[in-house]
Amino acid sequence: MKTTLHILRDEPDEITAALIQRLSADGSATVVALYPDGINPCPVDWQRLVRDIFNHDRVICW
C-alpha cells in the first residue's frame, strides 16, 4: 500500500479538505500543517518533516 504525505501551507478550505479526505480514504496518509494554529505558533518539527518526506511514497503540497 502506497503512503501519502499531505503538506498544508495554509488552513484548507472545504474543497481542499474534501480532496485530502478522498485521497486518504485508504488510511495510509499523514497530514502535516505548516501554518500556526491557535495553540502552537510554529507547529512544525522540521527534522521529522524531512524524515516523513523520505518515508512516504507520495508527497502532495497544498
N, C-alpha and C. Protein backbone atom coordinates (compact mmCIF):
# COMPACT_ATOMS: atom_id res chain seq x y z
N MET A 1 0.84 -1.17 0.00
CA MET A 1 0.00 0.00 0.00
C MET A 1 0.89 1.25 0.00
N LYS A 2 0.62 2.16 -0.92
CA LYS A 2 1.40 3.39 -1.01
C LYS A 2 0.97 4.37 0.08
N THR A 3 1.94 5.05 0.63
CA THR A 3 1.65 6.04 1.66
C THR A 3 1.76 7.45 1.06
N THR A 4 0.92 8.34 1.56
CA THR A 4 0.87 9.71 1.06
C THR A 4 1.07 10.68 2.21
N LEU A 5 1.89 11.69 1.96
CA LEU A 5 2.09 12.78 2.92
C LEU A 5 1.47 14.04 2.32
N HIS A 6 0.53 14.64 3.04
CA HIS A 6 -0.09 15.89 2.63
C HIS A 6 0.54 17.00 3.46
N ILE A 7 1.12 17.99 2.80
CA ILE A 7 1.73 19.13 3.50
C ILE A 7 0.85 20.35 3.22
N LEU A 8 0.32 20.93 4.28
CA LEU A 8 -0.59 22.08 4.16
C LEU A 8 0.14 23.35 4.55
N ARG A 9 0.21 24.31 3.64
CA ARG A 9 0.87 25.58 3.98
C ARG A 9 -0.11 26.58 4.59
N ASP A 10 -1.41 26.41 4.30
CA ASP A 10 -2.47 27.24 4.88
C ASP A 10 -3.59 26.32 5.33
N GLU A 11 -4.46 26.85 6.14
CA GLU A 11 -5.63 26.08 6.56
C GLU A 11 -6.46 25.73 5.33
N PRO A 12 -6.82 24.47 5.17
CA PRO A 12 -7.52 24.08 3.94
C PRO A 12 -8.96 24.59 3.89
N ASP A 13 -9.39 24.94 2.68
CA ASP A 13 -10.79 25.30 2.51
C ASP A 13 -11.60 24.01 2.36
N GLU A 14 -12.89 24.12 2.13
CA GLU A 14 -13.75 22.94 2.06
C GLU A 14 -13.35 21.99 0.93
N ILE A 15 -13.01 22.54 -0.22
CA ILE A 15 -12.66 21.71 -1.37
C ILE A 15 -11.35 20.96 -1.11
N THR A 16 -10.36 21.66 -0.61
CA THR A 16 -9.08 21.02 -0.31
C THR A 16 -9.25 19.95 0.75
N ALA A 17 -10.00 20.23 1.79
CA ALA A 17 -10.24 19.25 2.85
C ALA A 17 -10.94 18.01 2.29
N ALA A 18 -11.90 18.21 1.40
CA ALA A 18 -12.60 17.08 0.80
C ALA A 18 -11.66 16.25 -0.07
N LEU A 19 -10.79 16.91 -0.83
CA LEU A 19 -9.82 16.19 -1.66
C LEU A 19 -8.85 15.38 -0.81
N ILE A 20 -8.36 15.98 0.26
CA ILE A 20 -7.45 15.27 1.15
C ILE A 20 -8.15 14.06 1.75
N GLN A 21 -9.38 14.24 2.16
CA GLN A 21 -10.14 13.13 2.74
C GLN A 21 -10.32 12.00 1.74
N ARG A 22 -10.63 12.32 0.50
CA ARG A 22 -10.81 11.28 -0.53
C ARG A 22 -9.49 10.59 -0.85
N LEU A 23 -8.43 11.36 -0.97
CA LEU A 23 -7.13 10.77 -1.28
C LEU A 23 -6.58 9.95 -0.12
N SER A 24 -7.09 10.19 1.08
CA SER A 24 -6.63 9.49 2.28
C SER A 24 -7.59 8.42 2.74
N ALA A 25 -8.54 8.06 1.91
CA ALA A 25 -9.60 7.14 2.32
C ALA A 25 -9.09 5.77 2.72
N ASP A 26 -7.95 5.34 2.16
CA ASP A 26 -7.44 4.01 2.49
C ASP A 26 -6.67 3.98 3.80
N GLY A 27 -6.52 5.13 4.46
CA GLY A 27 -5.88 5.18 5.77
C GLY A 27 -4.37 5.18 5.75
N SER A 28 -3.76 5.38 4.59
CA SER A 28 -2.31 5.36 4.50
C SER A 28 -1.72 6.75 4.28
N ALA A 29 -2.33 7.75 4.91
CA ALA A 29 -1.89 9.13 4.70
C ALA A 29 -1.56 9.81 6.02
N THR A 30 -0.66 10.78 5.90
CA THR A 30 -0.28 11.63 7.02
C THR A 30 -0.48 13.07 6.57
N VAL A 31 -0.98 13.91 7.46
CA VAL A 31 -1.17 15.33 7.14
C VAL A 31 -0.31 16.15 8.09
N VAL A 32 0.47 17.08 7.50
CA VAL A 32 1.33 17.97 8.28
C VAL A 32 0.93 19.40 7.95
N ALA A 33 0.62 20.20 8.97
CA ALA A 33 0.26 21.60 8.78
C ALA A 33 1.47 22.49 9.05
N LEU A 34 1.79 23.36 8.11
CA LEU A 34 2.91 24.29 8.28
C LEU A 34 2.46 25.64 8.82
N TYR A 35 1.16 25.84 8.91
CA TYR A 35 0.64 27.13 9.39
C TYR A 35 0.45 27.08 10.91
N PRO A 36 0.58 28.23 11.57
CA PRO A 36 0.38 28.24 13.02
C PRO A 36 -1.09 28.04 13.36
N ASP A 37 -1.33 27.28 14.42
CA ASP A 37 -2.70 27.10 14.88
C ASP A 37 -2.90 27.93 16.15
N GLY A 38 -4.01 27.80 16.80
CA GLY A 38 -4.29 28.59 17.99
C GLY A 38 -3.44 28.22 19.18
N ILE A 39 -2.79 27.05 19.15
CA ILE A 39 -2.01 26.58 20.28
C ILE A 39 -0.52 26.78 20.07
N ASN A 40 -0.02 26.38 18.91
CA ASN A 40 1.41 26.46 18.63
C ASN A 40 1.69 27.49 17.55
N PRO A 41 2.54 28.49 17.84
CA PRO A 41 2.86 29.48 16.81
C PRO A 41 3.66 28.88 15.65
N CYS A 42 4.44 27.84 15.91
CA CYS A 42 5.19 27.16 14.86
C CYS A 42 5.13 25.66 15.14
N PRO A 43 4.09 24.99 14.63
CA PRO A 43 3.85 23.60 14.98
C PRO A 43 4.71 22.58 14.24
N VAL A 44 5.72 23.04 13.49
CA VAL A 44 6.46 22.15 12.60
C VAL A 44 7.75 21.65 13.25
N ASP A 45 7.90 20.34 13.25
CA ASP A 45 9.18 19.72 13.61
C ASP A 45 9.86 19.44 12.27
N TRP A 46 10.78 20.32 11.89
CA TRP A 46 11.36 20.27 10.55
C TRP A 46 12.14 18.98 10.29
N GLN A 47 12.84 18.48 11.27
CA GLN A 47 13.57 17.23 11.08
C GLN A 47 12.61 16.07 10.83
N ARG A 48 11.52 16.04 11.57
CA ARG A 48 10.52 15.00 11.34
C ARG A 48 9.88 15.14 9.97
N LEU A 49 9.62 16.38 9.54
CA LEU A 49 9.03 16.60 8.23
C LEU A 49 9.93 16.04 7.13
N VAL A 50 11.22 16.28 7.22
CA VAL A 50 12.15 15.76 6.22
C VAL A 50 12.13 14.23 6.22
N ARG A 51 12.14 13.63 7.41
CA ARG A 51 12.05 12.16 7.50
C ARG A 51 10.74 11.66 6.88
N ASP A 52 9.64 12.36 7.18
CA ASP A 52 8.34 11.95 6.62
C ASP A 52 8.34 12.03 5.10
N ILE A 53 8.96 13.07 4.55
CA ILE A 53 9.02 13.21 3.09
C ILE A 53 9.70 11.99 2.47
N PHE A 54 10.79 11.55 3.06
CA PHE A 54 11.52 10.41 2.50
C PHE A 54 10.87 9.07 2.84
N ASN A 55 10.05 9.02 3.87
CA ASN A 55 9.41 7.76 4.27
C ASN A 55 8.05 7.51 3.62
N HIS A 56 7.54 8.47 2.89
CA HIS A 56 6.26 8.31 2.20
C HIS A 56 6.50 8.12 0.70
N ASP A 57 5.60 7.41 0.06
CA ASP A 57 5.73 7.16 -1.38
C ASP A 57 5.34 8.37 -2.21
N ARG A 58 4.36 9.13 -1.71
CA ARG A 58 3.88 10.32 -2.43
C ARG A 58 3.82 11.49 -1.46
N VAL A 59 4.15 12.68 -1.98
CA VAL A 59 4.05 13.91 -1.19
C VAL A 59 3.24 14.90 -2.00
N ILE A 60 2.17 15.43 -1.38
CA ILE A 60 1.33 16.42 -2.04
C ILE A 60 1.36 17.68 -1.18
N CYS A 61 1.71 18.80 -1.81
CA CYS A 61 1.74 20.08 -1.10
C CYS A 61 0.52 20.89 -1.51
N TRP A 62 -0.17 21.38 -0.50
CA TRP A 62 -1.40 22.16 -0.73
C TRP A 62 -1.17 23.59 -0.33
